[in-house]
C-alpha cells in the first residue's frame, strides 16, 4: 500500500495525530509518500522534519520537494531574496530551527528530506507530485521542476483526463471545491488534491492508495 501525505506546513501536532492513526496499520511493504511543504507558516517546522527523519529510519519514505522547500533551498544558495521567502512564511521556519538548535542551520539529516531533489513519484497507476503537471508537457519527465512545485489552475482546471491518477497538494482544496478540510476527488480529470489547508486551521490529510481511505489529523 501507499500512504500519501498532504501539505504539513510546520504543524507538528497535526502530523503526529494523523500519523498516530496511520502507523499502527503499516507493514514492511508499505511506502509513505510526502507531497512536500513540510515547513513554513506553522510553528514547528524543525520537529516536523525531525519526525520524518525518524520515520524514514523504520519505514520506506519518499520525501517529494514542494515549493516551500525550493524557496528555502534557493535562499540558502543565494538565488532568491530572503524577503520573498519570509513573505511566504519562512520566518517561522527559521525561528523553529533557532529554538531547537540554538542557531539557524539545516542538519544533514534534514537536508535529505527538505532538499531531496525528487519532484514526483510514479507507479503504473498514479503519479504523486507537489503541485501538479503541466498538461502541455504531459509526462512528468518532460515537466520543468518549476511547474511540478508551482503550477495551479493550468493543471487542475484543464479539461483533460489523465491516464494515471495525479495525486497533488500545494493548492488548498477549499480554493478548488469550496469544502473546507475535505480532499478533492475529480474523477473526470482523474486527479486527487490532498492539501486540506493545515496552514489555515484545516487538517493534515493522508490517503491510502489504491482504496482511497482517508485519515485526517482532526
C-alpha atoms as a PDB file:
ATOM      1  CA  UNK A   1       0.000   0.000   0.000  1.00  0.00           C
ATOM      2  CA  UNK A   2       0.967   3.625  -0.474  1.00  0.00           C
ATOM      3  CA  UNK A   3       0.167   6.282   2.141  1.00  0.00           C
ATOM      4  CA  UNK A   4       0.291   9.746   0.622  1.00  0.00           C
ATOM      5  CA  UNK A   5       0.602  12.729   2.978  1.00  0.00           C
ATOM      6  CA  UNK A   6      -0.644  16.201   2.075  1.00  0.00           C
ATOM      7  CA  UNK A   7       0.922  19.548   2.961  1.00  0.00           C
ATOM      8  CA  UNK A   8       2.093  19.925   6.580  1.00  0.00           C
ATOM      9  CA  UNK A   9       3.483  23.480   6.906  1.00  0.00           C
ATOM     10  CA  UNK A  10       5.125  23.131  10.295  1.00  0.00           C
ATOM     11  CA  UNK A  11       2.045  21.706  12.011  1.00  0.00           C
ATOM     12  CA  UNK A  12       3.793  19.043  14.050  1.00  0.00           C
ATOM     13  CA  UNK A  13       0.873  18.373  16.380  1.00  0.00           C
ATOM     14  CA  UNK A  14      -1.412  17.624  13.454  1.00  0.00           C
ATOM     15  CA  UNK A  15       1.219  15.459  11.785  1.00  0.00           C
ATOM     16  CA  UNK A  16       1.708  13.437  14.954  1.00  0.00           C
ATOM     17  CA  UNK A  17      -2.053  12.933  15.338  1.00  0.00           C
ATOM     18  CA  UNK A  18      -2.683  11.768  11.796  1.00  0.00           C
ATOM     19  CA  UNK A  19       0.355   9.504  11.695  1.00  0.00           C
ATOM     20  CA  UNK A  20      -0.794   8.036  15.001  1.00  0.00           C
ATOM     21  CA  UNK A  21      -3.806   6.773  13.046  1.00  0.00           C
ATOM     22  CA  UNK A  22      -1.749   5.531  10.105  1.00  0.00           C
ATOM     23  CA  UNK A  23       1.285   3.898  11.708  1.00  0.00           C
ATOM     24  CA  UNK A  24      -0.448   1.011  13.538  1.00  0.00           C
ATOM     25  CA  UNK A  25      -1.614  -0.387  10.199  1.00  0.00           C
ATOM     26  CA  UNK A  26       1.686  -0.123   8.332  1.00  0.00           C
ATOM     27  CA  UNK A  27       3.596  -3.178   7.164  1.00  0.00           C
ATOM     28  CA  UNK A  28       7.115  -3.550   5.836  1.00  0.00           C
ATOM     29  CA  UNK A  29       5.792  -3.495   2.283  1.00  0.00           C
ATOM     30  CA  UNK A  30       4.133  -0.072   2.604  1.00  0.00           C
ATOM     31  CA  UNK A  31       5.528   3.222   1.320  1.00  0.00           C
ATOM     32  CA  UNK A  32       4.846   6.678   2.770  1.00  0.00           C
ATOM     33  CA  UNK A  33       4.955   9.486   0.217  1.00  0.00           C
ATOM     34  CA  UNK A  34       5.109  13.084   1.415  1.00  0.00           C
ATOM     35  CA  UNK A  35       3.881  15.636  -1.124  1.00  0.00           C
ATOM     36  CA  UNK A  36       6.161  18.437   0.120  1.00  0.00           C
ATOM     37  CA  UNK A  37       5.662  21.711   2.022  1.00  0.00           C
ATOM     38  CA  UNK A  38       6.875  20.332   5.334  1.00  0.00           C
ATOM     39  CA  UNK A  39       7.923  23.772   6.508  1.00  0.00           C
ATOM     40  CA  UNK A  40       6.875  27.452   6.809  1.00  0.00           C
ATOM     41  CA  UNK A  41       3.832  29.194   8.278  1.00  0.00           C
ATOM     42  CA  UNK A  42       3.250  26.749  11.155  1.00  0.00           C
ATOM     43  CA  UNK A  43       5.266  26.878  14.393  1.00  0.00           C
ATOM     44  CA  UNK A  44       7.158  23.558  14.436  1.00  0.00           C
ATOM     45  CA  UNK A  45       8.960  23.024  11.138  1.00  0.00           C
ATOM     46  CA  UNK A  46      12.030  21.607  12.871  1.00  0.00           C
ATOM     47  CA  UNK A  47      10.022  18.960  14.710  1.00  0.00           C
ATOM     48  CA  UNK A  48       8.094  18.071  11.549  1.00  0.00           C
ATOM     49  CA  UNK A  49      11.293  17.326   9.643  1.00  0.00           C
ATOM     50  CA  UNK A  50      12.850  15.550  12.619  1.00  0.00           C
ATOM     51  CA  UNK A  51       9.759  13.328  12.802  1.00  0.00           C
ATOM     52  CA  UNK A  52      10.035  12.449   9.106  1.00  0.00           C
ATOM     53  CA  UNK A  53      13.745  11.682   9.523  1.00  0.00           C
ATOM     54  CA  UNK A  54      12.875   9.299  12.359  1.00  0.00           C
ATOM     55  CA  UNK A  55      10.057   7.771  10.335  1.00  0.00           C
ATOM     56  CA  UNK A  56      12.463   7.089   7.467  1.00  0.00           C
ATOM     57  CA  UNK A  57      14.634   5.006   9.786  1.00  0.00           C
ATOM     58  CA  UNK A  58      11.857   2.441  10.180  1.00  0.00           C
ATOM     59  CA  UNK A  59       9.771   2.751   7.019  1.00  0.00           C
ATOM     60  CA  UNK A  60      10.106   3.396   3.292  1.00  0.00           C
ATOM     61  CA  UNK A  61       9.651   7.157   2.972  1.00  0.00           C
ATOM     62  CA  UNK A  62       9.576   9.201  -0.236  1.00  0.00           C
ATOM     63  CA  UNK A  63      10.016  12.949   0.507  1.00  0.00           C
ATOM     64  CA  UNK A  64       8.984  14.998  -2.515  1.00  0.00           C
ATOM     65  CA  UNK A  65      10.013  18.608  -2.979  1.00  0.00           C
ATOM     66  CA  UNK A  66       7.408  21.338  -2.502  1.00  0.00           C
ATOM     67  CA  UNK A  67       7.644  24.987  -3.457  1.00  0.00           C
ATOM     68  CA  UNK A  68       8.470  25.968   0.132  1.00  0.00           C
ATOM     69  CA  UNK A  69      11.457  23.613   0.218  1.00  0.00           C
ATOM     70  CA  UNK A  70      12.570  25.004  -3.138  1.00  0.00           C
ATOM     71  CA  UNK A  71      12.337  28.561  -1.814  1.00  0.00           C
ATOM     72  CA  UNK A  72      14.446  27.712   1.246  1.00  0.00           C
ATOM     73  CA  UNK A  73      16.994  25.927  -0.934  1.00  0.00           C
ATOM     74  CA  UNK A  74      17.219  28.962  -3.211  1.00  0.00           C
ATOM     75  CA  UNK A  75      17.588  31.370  -0.285  1.00  0.00           C
ATOM     76  CA  UNK A  76      20.457  29.284   1.118  1.00  0.00           C
ATOM     77  CA  UNK A  77      22.049  29.214  -2.350  1.00  0.00           C
ATOM     78  CA  UNK A  78      21.698  32.995  -2.659  1.00  0.00           C
ATOM     79  CA  UNK A  79      19.458  32.831  -5.734  1.00  0.00           C
ATOM     80  CA  UNK A  80      16.237  34.038  -4.058  1.00  0.00           C
ATOM     81  CA  UNK A  81      15.895  37.223  -1.993  1.00  0.00           C
ATOM     82  CA  UNK A  82      15.133  36.273   1.631  1.00  0.00           C
ATOM     83  CA  UNK A  83      12.241  38.736   1.677  1.00  0.00           C
ATOM     84  CA  UNK A  84      10.348  36.589  -0.829  1.00  0.00           C
ATOM     85  CA  UNK A  85      10.772  33.549   1.417  1.00  0.00           C
ATOM     86  CA  UNK A  86       9.790  35.492   4.522  1.00  0.00           C
ATOM     87  CA  UNK A  87       6.621  36.700   2.788  1.00  0.00           C
ATOM     88  CA  UNK A  88       5.659  33.056   2.269  1.00  0.00           C
ATOM     89  CA  UNK A  89       6.038  32.086   5.920  1.00  0.00           C
ATOM     90  CA  UNK A  90       9.760  31.388   6.090  1.00  0.00           C
ATOM     91  CA  UNK A  91      10.376  33.330   9.278  1.00  0.00           C
ATOM     92  CA  UNK A  92       8.525  30.704  11.293  1.00  0.00           C
ATOM     93  CA  UNK A  93      10.862  28.014   9.982  1.00  0.00           C
ATOM     94  CA  UNK A  94      13.971  30.000  10.866  1.00  0.00           C
ATOM     95  CA  UNK A  95      12.561  30.645  14.337  1.00  0.00           C
ATOM     96  CA  UNK A  96      11.748  26.962  14.818  1.00  0.00           C
ATOM     97  CA  UNK A  97      15.283  25.850  13.902  1.00  0.00           C
ATOM     98  CA  UNK A  98      16.864  28.540  16.082  1.00  0.00           C
ATOM     99  CA  UNK A  99      14.753  27.495  19.068  1.00  0.00           C
ATOM    100  CA  UNK A 100      15.632  23.817  18.571  1.00  0.00           C
ATOM    101  CA  UNK A 101      19.324  24.136  17.674  1.00  0.00           C
ATOM    102  CA  UNK A 102      20.361  27.447  19.228  1.00  0.00           C
ATOM    103  CA  UNK A 103      21.092  28.918  15.806  1.00  0.00           C
ATOM    104  CA  UNK A 104      19.734  28.581  12.303  1.00  0.00           C
ATOM    105  CA  UNK A 105      21.240  25.805  10.265  1.00  0.00           C
ATOM    106  CA  UNK A 106      19.916  22.703   8.491  1.00  0.00           C
ATOM    107  CA  UNK A 107      21.341  19.388   9.745  1.00  0.00           C
ATOM    108  CA  UNK A 108      22.466  16.960   7.076  1.00  0.00           C
ATOM    109  CA  UNK A 109      19.723  14.500   8.017  1.00  0.00           C
ATOM    110  CA  UNK A 110      17.142  17.240   7.440  1.00  0.00           C
ATOM    111  CA  UNK A 111      18.646  18.210   4.084  1.00  0.00           C
ATOM    112  CA  UNK A 112      17.936  14.686   2.809  1.00  0.00           C
ATOM    113  CA  UNK A 113      14.238  15.330   3.442  1.00  0.00           C
ATOM    114  CA  UNK A 114      13.970  19.010   2.556  1.00  0.00           C
ATOM    115  CA  UNK A 115      16.235  19.025  -0.480  1.00  0.00           C
ATOM    116  CA  UNK A 116      15.697  15.532  -1.858  1.00  0.00           C
ATOM    117  CA  UNK A 117      15.565  16.882  -5.447  1.00  0.00           C
ATOM    118  CA  UNK A 118      12.773  14.344  -6.029  1.00  0.00           C
ATOM    119  CA  UNK A 119       9.880  16.163  -7.657  1.00  0.00           C
ATOM    120  CA  UNK A 120       7.487  13.289  -8.357  1.00  0.00           C
ATOM    121  CA  UNK A 121       6.903   9.608  -7.699  1.00  0.00           C
ATOM    122  CA  UNK A 122       5.356   7.422 -10.379  1.00  0.00           C
ATOM    123  CA  UNK A 123       3.868   3.921 -10.481  1.00  0.00           C
ATOM    124  CA  UNK A 124       1.843   2.084 -13.098  1.00  0.00           C
ATOM    125  CA  UNK A 125      -1.366   3.601 -11.703  1.00  0.00           C
ATOM    126  CA  UNK A 126      -0.593   7.009 -10.159  1.00  0.00           C
ATOM    127  CA  UNK A 127       1.785   9.969 -10.094  1.00  0.00           C
ATOM    128  CA  UNK A 128       2.380  11.807  -6.823  1.00  0.00           C
ATOM    129  CA  UNK A 129       3.601  15.386  -7.220  1.00  0.00           C
ATOM    130  CA  UNK A 130       3.500  18.536  -5.139  1.00  0.00           C
ATOM    131  CA  UNK A 131       1.596  20.959  -7.368  1.00  0.00           C
ATOM    132  CA  UNK A 132       0.567  19.044 -10.483  1.00  0.00           C
ATOM    133  CA  UNK A 133       1.693  18.560 -14.059  1.00  0.00           C
ATOM    134  CA  UNK A 134       1.773  20.949 -16.981  1.00  0.00           C
ATOM    135  CA  UNK A 135      -0.777  19.484 -19.430  1.00  0.00           C
ATOM    136  CA  UNK A 136       1.184  20.944 -22.348  1.00  0.00           C
ATOM    137  CA  UNK A 137       4.203  18.871 -21.345  1.00  0.00           C
ATOM    138  CA  UNK A 138       2.425  15.665 -20.364  1.00  0.00           C
ATOM    139  CA  UNK A 139       4.688  13.097 -18.707  1.00  0.00           C
ATOM    140  CA  UNK A 140       6.399  14.251 -15.507  1.00  0.00           C
ATOM    141  CA  UNK A 141       9.799  13.577 -17.040  1.00  0.00           C
ATOM    142  CA  UNK A 142       9.066  16.363 -19.535  1.00  0.00           C
ATOM    143  CA  UNK A 143       7.945  18.870 -16.911  1.00  0.00           C
ATOM    144  CA  UNK A 144      10.161  21.589 -15.532  1.00  0.00           C
ATOM    145  CA  UNK A 145      10.714  21.411 -11.751  1.00  0.00           C
ATOM    146  CA  UNK A 146       9.143  24.888 -11.514  1.00  0.00           C
ATOM    147  CA  UNK A 147       5.815  23.571 -12.800  1.00  0.00           C
ATOM    148  CA  UNK A 148       5.933  20.490 -10.593  1.00  0.00           C
ATOM    149  CA  UNK A 149       6.081  22.662  -7.452  1.00  0.00           C
ATOM    150  CA  UNK A 150       4.209  25.836  -8.511  1.00  0.00           C
ATOM    151  CA  UNK A 151       1.509  25.081 -11.102  1.00  0.00           C
ATOM    152  CA  UNK A 152      -2.137  25.617 -10.149  1.00  0.00           C
ATOM    153  CA  UNK A 153      -5.197  26.341 -12.364  1.00  0.00           C
ATOM    154  CA  UNK A 154      -3.394  25.433 -15.583  1.00  0.00           C
ATOM    155  CA  UNK A 155      -3.266  21.895 -14.191  1.00  0.00           C
ATOM    156  CA  UNK A 156      -6.429  21.298 -12.197  1.00  0.00           C
ATOM    157  CA  UNK A 157      -8.825  23.279 -14.412  1.00  0.00           C
ATOM    158  CA  UNK A 158      -7.686  21.818 -17.737  1.00  0.00           C
ATOM    159  CA  UNK A 159     -10.393  19.770 -19.460  1.00  0.00           C
ATOM    160  CA  UNK A 160      -8.232  16.673 -19.641  1.00  0.00           C
ATOM    161  CA  UNK A 161      -8.431  13.191 -18.177  1.00  0.00           C
ATOM    162  CA  UNK A 162      -5.014  11.920 -17.142  1.00  0.00           C
ATOM    163  CA  UNK A 163      -4.250   8.263 -17.884  1.00  0.00           C
ATOM    164  CA  UNK A 164      -2.764   7.829 -14.413  1.00  0.00           C
ATOM    165  CA  UNK A 165      -4.271   9.292 -11.234  1.00  0.00           C
ATOM    166  CA  UNK A 166      -2.438  12.511 -10.338  1.00  0.00           C
ATOM    167  CA  UNK A 167      -2.245  12.996  -6.563  1.00  0.00           C
ATOM    168  CA  UNK A 168      -1.189  16.503  -5.596  1.00  0.00           C
ATOM    169  CA  UNK A 169      -1.005  19.090  -2.824  1.00  0.00           C
ATOM    170  CA  UNK A 170       0.028  22.758  -2.995  1.00  0.00           C
ATOM    171  CA  UNK A 171      -3.383  24.338  -3.678  1.00  0.00           C
ATOM    172  CA  UNK A 172      -5.659  24.137  -0.618  1.00  0.00           C
ATOM    173  CA  UNK A 173      -8.672  22.126  -1.710  1.00  0.00           C
ATOM    174  CA  UNK A 174     -11.025  24.801  -0.364  1.00  0.00           C
ATOM    175  CA  UNK A 175      -9.989  27.006  -3.255  1.00  0.00           C
ATOM    176  CA  UNK A 176     -10.943  24.288  -5.736  1.00  0.00           C
ATOM    177  CA  UNK A 177     -14.238  22.871  -4.437  1.00  0.00           C
ATOM    178  CA  UNK A 178     -15.159  25.205  -1.546  1.00  0.00           C
ATOM    179  CA  UNK A 179     -15.359  22.397   1.007  1.00  0.00           C
ATOM    180  CA  UNK A 180     -13.096  23.270   3.907  1.00  0.00           C
ATOM    181  CA  UNK A 181     -10.942  20.462   5.241  1.00  0.00           C
ATOM    182  CA  UNK A 182     -12.039  17.945   2.591  1.00  0.00           C
ATOM    183  CA  UNK A 183      -9.795  16.308  -0.026  1.00  0.00           C
ATOM    184  CA  UNK A 184     -10.625  16.920  -3.671  1.00  0.00           C
ATOM    185  CA  UNK A 185     -11.628  13.991  -5.874  1.00  0.00           C
ATOM    186  CA  UNK A 186     -12.102  14.735  -9.560  1.00  0.00           C
ATOM    187  CA  UNK A 187     -12.857  11.500 -11.387  1.00  0.00           C
ATOM    188  CA  UNK A 188     -13.464  13.358 -14.644  1.00  0.00           C
ATOM    189  CA  UNK A 189      -9.857  14.544 -14.746  1.00  0.00           C
ATOM    190  CA  UNK A 190      -8.530  11.618 -12.667  1.00  0.00           C
ATOM    191  CA  UNK A 191      -6.874  13.912 -10.105  1.00  0.00           C
ATOM    192  CA  UNK A 192      -6.919  13.988  -6.292  1.00  0.00           C
ATOM    193  CA  UNK A 193      -5.951  17.005  -4.142  1.00  0.00           C
ATOM    194  CA  UNK A 194      -4.739  16.381  -0.600  1.00  0.00           C
ATOM    195  CA  UNK A 195      -3.781  19.859   0.677  1.00  0.00           C
ATOM    196  CA  UNK A 196      -6.678  20.325   3.079  1.00  0.00           C
ATOM    197  CA  UNK A 197      -5.315  23.567   4.496  1.00  0.00           C
ATOM    198  CA  UNK A 198      -3.240  22.580   7.519  1.00  0.00           C
ATOM    199  CA  UNK A 199      -1.694  26.058   7.385  1.00  0.00           C
ATOM    200  CA  UNK A 200      -5.169  27.634   7.533  1.00  0.00           C
ATOM    201  CA  UNK A 201      -6.715  25.809  10.517  1.00  0.00           C
ATOM    202  CA  UNK A 202      -7.543  22.754   8.425  1.00  0.00           C
ATOM    203  CA  UNK A 203      -6.385  19.162   8.959  1.00  0.00           C
ATOM    204  CA  UNK A 204      -3.467  17.260   7.518  1.00  0.00           C
ATOM    205  CA  UNK A 205      -4.798  14.550   5.210  1.00  0.00           C
ATOM    206  CA  UNK A 206      -3.284  11.168   4.399  1.00  0.00           C
ATOM    207  CA  UNK A 207      -4.750   8.961   1.677  1.00  0.00           C
ATOM    208  CA  UNK A 208      -4.134   5.259   1.298  1.00  0.00           C
ATOM    209  CA  UNK A 209      -3.852   4.178  -2.317  1.00  0.00           C
ATOM    210  CA  UNK A 210      -5.447   2.440  -4.070  1.00  0.00           C
ATOM    211  CA  UNK A 211      -8.543   2.083  -1.885  1.00  0.00           C
ATOM    212  CA  UNK A 212      -8.573   5.872  -1.190  1.00  0.00           C
ATOM    213  CA  UNK A 213      -9.084   5.504   2.548  1.00  0.00           C
ATOM    214  CA  UNK A 214      -8.675   8.932   4.161  1.00  0.00           C
ATOM    215  CA  UNK A 215      -7.001   9.666   7.513  1.00  0.00           C
ATOM    216  CA  UNK A 216      -7.086  13.186   8.989  1.00  0.00           C
ATOM    217  CA  UNK A 217      -5.492  14.910  11.943  1.00  0.00           C
ATOM    218  CA  UNK A 218      -8.758  16.333  13.268  1.00  0.00           C
END
